[in-house]
């Protein structure tokens, strides 16, 4: 398995459950869950797992119990820290950033080599845009609730 530039759509941020194809998505929900393990919720942001792999390190840095395969609640302080971590990461993704920098928050069951056929700059642009979009979603949608659920695979 390997990705090409044609696969950069994995970084598209989706807001409508009807846009989803399959179930390989992370769901970011900006309110407490209406029921335990509730998912595919209105108001959520959805990111394909292959795209979210580039941000799992951000989650691990601010939530020591973050689990790729679980439902994890971030409290107000962790939400703030996650926004700051995403901002820091996106700021590192300047033109000419190294491939190492692009993969600096990457965690996956698949190694980085699955992205070997994607030009570093195109990948950098896609990761930066998705990171900025995730950060913006978190900052604007969690103001009232003060929490964020990251619903893993």
Protein backbone atom coordinates (compact mmCIF):
# COMPACT_ATOMS: atom_id res chain seq x y z
CA UNK A 1 0.00 0.00 0.00
CA UNK A 2 1.23 3.47 -0.85
CA UNK A 3 -0.24 6.90 -1.41
CA UNK A 4 0.17 9.22 -4.37
CA UNK A 5 -0.62 12.89 -4.89
CA UNK A 6 -4.08 11.78 -6.01
CA UNK A 7 -4.74 10.65 -2.44
CA UNK A 8 -4.31 14.04 -0.76
CA UNK A 9 -8.10 14.18 -0.40
CA UNK A 10 -7.57 12.21 2.85
CA UNK A 11 -6.86 15.65 4.35
CA UNK A 12 -10.28 17.06 3.40
CA UNK A 13 -12.20 18.16 6.46
CA UNK A 14 -15.83 17.09 6.32
CA UNK A 15 -18.72 18.48 8.35
CA UNK A 16 -21.63 16.43 7.09
CA UNK A 17 -22.02 12.73 7.84
CA UNK A 18 -23.62 12.33 4.40
CA UNK A 19 -20.25 13.21 2.79
CA UNK A 20 -18.53 10.22 4.38
CA UNK A 21 -17.57 7.16 2.40
CA UNK A 22 -16.95 4.16 4.63
CA UNK A 23 -16.05 4.38 8.31
CA UNK A 24 -12.30 5.13 8.37
CA UNK A 25 -12.67 8.55 9.99
CA UNK A 26 -11.74 10.33 13.16
CA UNK A 27 -14.61 12.37 14.52
CA UNK A 28 -14.01 15.54 16.52
CA UNK A 29 -17.13 16.45 18.47
CA UNK A 30 -17.23 19.79 20.33
CA UNK A 31 -19.80 18.89 22.99
CA UNK A 32 -20.34 16.16 25.51
CA UNK A 33 -21.65 13.01 23.89
CA UNK A 34 -25.43 12.54 24.01
CA UNK A 35 -24.85 8.89 24.93
CA UNK A 36 -21.85 6.70 25.67
CA UNK A 37 -20.04 5.91 22.42
CA UNK A 38 -22.39 8.11 20.41
CA UNK A 39 -20.90 8.93 17.03
CA UNK A 40 -21.63 10.34 13.57
CA UNK A 41 -23.00 13.38 15.38
CA UNK A 42 -24.25 16.65 14.00
CA UNK A 43 -21.74 19.44 14.54
CA UNK A 44 -18.73 17.12 14.32
CA UNK A 45 -15.68 17.43 12.10
CA UNK A 46 -14.59 14.28 10.27
CA UNK A 47 -11.07 13.52 9.04
CA UNK A 48 -10.03 10.32 7.28
CA UNK A 49 -7.72 8.23 9.44
CA UNK A 50 -4.78 8.50 7.00
CA UNK A 51 -4.98 12.29 7.21
CA UNK A 52 -5.48 12.40 10.97
CA UNK A 53 -2.37 10.23 11.42
CA UNK A 54 -0.36 13.43 10.90
CA UNK A 55 -2.00 15.00 13.99
CA UNK A 56 -2.12 12.12 16.45
CA UNK A 57 1.20 13.25 17.91
CA UNK A 58 -0.43 16.58 18.76
CA UNK A 59 -3.14 14.71 20.66
CA UNK A 60 -0.60 12.56 22.51
CA UNK A 61 1.40 15.64 23.56
CA UNK A 62 -1.56 17.23 25.35
CA UNK A 63 -3.56 14.20 26.50
CA UNK A 64 -1.39 11.44 27.99
CA UNK A 65 -4.24 8.93 27.71
CA UNK A 66 -5.08 9.65 24.08
CA UNK A 67 -5.89 6.38 22.34
CA UNK A 68 -6.12 6.05 18.55
CA UNK A 69 -8.81 3.39 18.91
CA UNK A 70 -10.96 4.92 21.65
CA UNK A 71 -13.28 7.80 22.46
CA UNK A 72 -11.23 10.39 24.35
CA UNK A 73 -12.53 13.54 26.05
CA UNK A 74 -10.35 16.65 26.13
CA UNK A 75 -11.26 19.10 28.91
CA UNK A 76 -11.04 22.90 28.58
CA UNK A 77 -7.31 23.06 29.44
CA UNK A 78 -6.51 20.21 27.07
CA UNK A 79 -8.59 21.80 24.30
CA UNK A 80 -6.61 25.01 24.72
CA UNK A 81 -3.32 23.08 24.74
CA UNK A 82 -4.36 21.11 21.64
CA UNK A 83 -5.12 24.35 19.80
CA UNK A 84 -1.69 25.69 20.77
CA UNK A 85 0.01 22.46 19.71
CA UNK A 86 -1.74 22.50 16.34
CA UNK A 87 -0.78 26.16 15.87
CA UNK A 88 2.84 25.34 16.67
CA UNK A 89 2.88 22.42 14.25
CA UNK A 90 1.27 24.41 11.44
CA UNK A 91 3.79 27.24 12.02
CA UNK A 92 6.62 24.74 11.45
CA UNK A 93 5.19 23.78 8.05
CA UNK A 94 6.67 26.75 6.22
CA UNK A 95 7.77 26.55 2.57
CA UNK A 96 10.88 24.43 2.39
CA UNK A 97 10.09 22.53 5.59
CA UNK A 98 11.80 19.17 5.68
CA UNK A 99 9.99 15.89 5.25
CA UNK A 100 11.04 15.11 8.83
CA UNK A 101 9.13 18.19 10.01
CA UNK A 102 6.03 17.19 8.03
CA UNK A 103 6.10 13.79 9.75
CA UNK A 104 7.05 15.11 13.20
CA UNK A 105 3.57 14.45 14.69
CA UNK A 106 2.78 11.38 12.54
CA UNK A 107 1.70 8.19 14.26
CA UNK A 108 0.28 5.25 12.36
CA UNK A 109 0.30 1.51 12.14
CA UNK A 110 1.74 2.18 8.67
CA UNK A 111 5.24 3.57 8.31
CA UNK A 112 6.05 6.89 6.67
CA UNK A 113 7.20 5.01 3.56
CA UNK A 114 3.58 4.66 2.40
CA UNK A 115 3.81 8.38 1.57
CA UNK A 116 7.10 8.07 -0.37
CA UNK A 117 5.47 8.79 -3.73
CA UNK A 118 4.01 12.12 -2.58
CA UNK A 119 6.12 15.23 -3.11
CA UNK A 120 7.14 16.76 0.24
CA UNK A 121 5.87 20.23 -0.61
CA UNK A 122 2.45 18.99 -1.76
CA UNK A 123 2.17 16.89 1.38
CA UNK A 124 3.30 19.84 3.53
CA UNK A 125 0.62 22.07 2.03
CA UNK A 126 -2.10 19.47 2.62
CA UNK A 127 -1.03 18.81 6.21
CA UNK A 128 -0.75 22.54 6.97
CA UNK A 129 -4.20 23.30 5.54
CA UNK A 130 -5.82 20.44 7.44
CA UNK A 131 -4.03 21.37 10.66
CA UNK A 132 -5.16 24.98 10.37
CA UNK A 133 -8.71 23.85 9.66
CA UNK A 134 -8.77 21.47 12.63
CA UNK A 135 -7.38 24.19 14.90
CA UNK A 136 -9.98 26.68 13.68
CA UNK A 137 -12.79 24.17 14.21
CA UNK A 138 -11.60 23.45 17.75
CA UNK A 139 -11.21 27.12 18.65
CA UNK A 140 -14.60 28.20 17.34
CA UNK A 141 -16.75 25.21 18.20
CA UNK A 142 -15.62 24.44 21.76
CA UNK A 143 -16.04 27.93 23.26
CA UNK A 144 -19.39 27.12 24.84
CA UNK A 145 -18.82 23.52 25.90
CA UNK A 146 -15.17 23.73 26.84
CA UNK A 147 -14.66 20.12 25.76
CA UNK A 148 -13.79 18.12 22.71
CA UNK A 149 -14.32 14.44 22.08
CA UNK A 150 -11.93 12.77 19.66
CA UNK A 151 -13.60 9.60 18.50
CA UNK A 152 -10.95 7.26 17.19
CA UNK A 153 -11.09 4.28 14.93
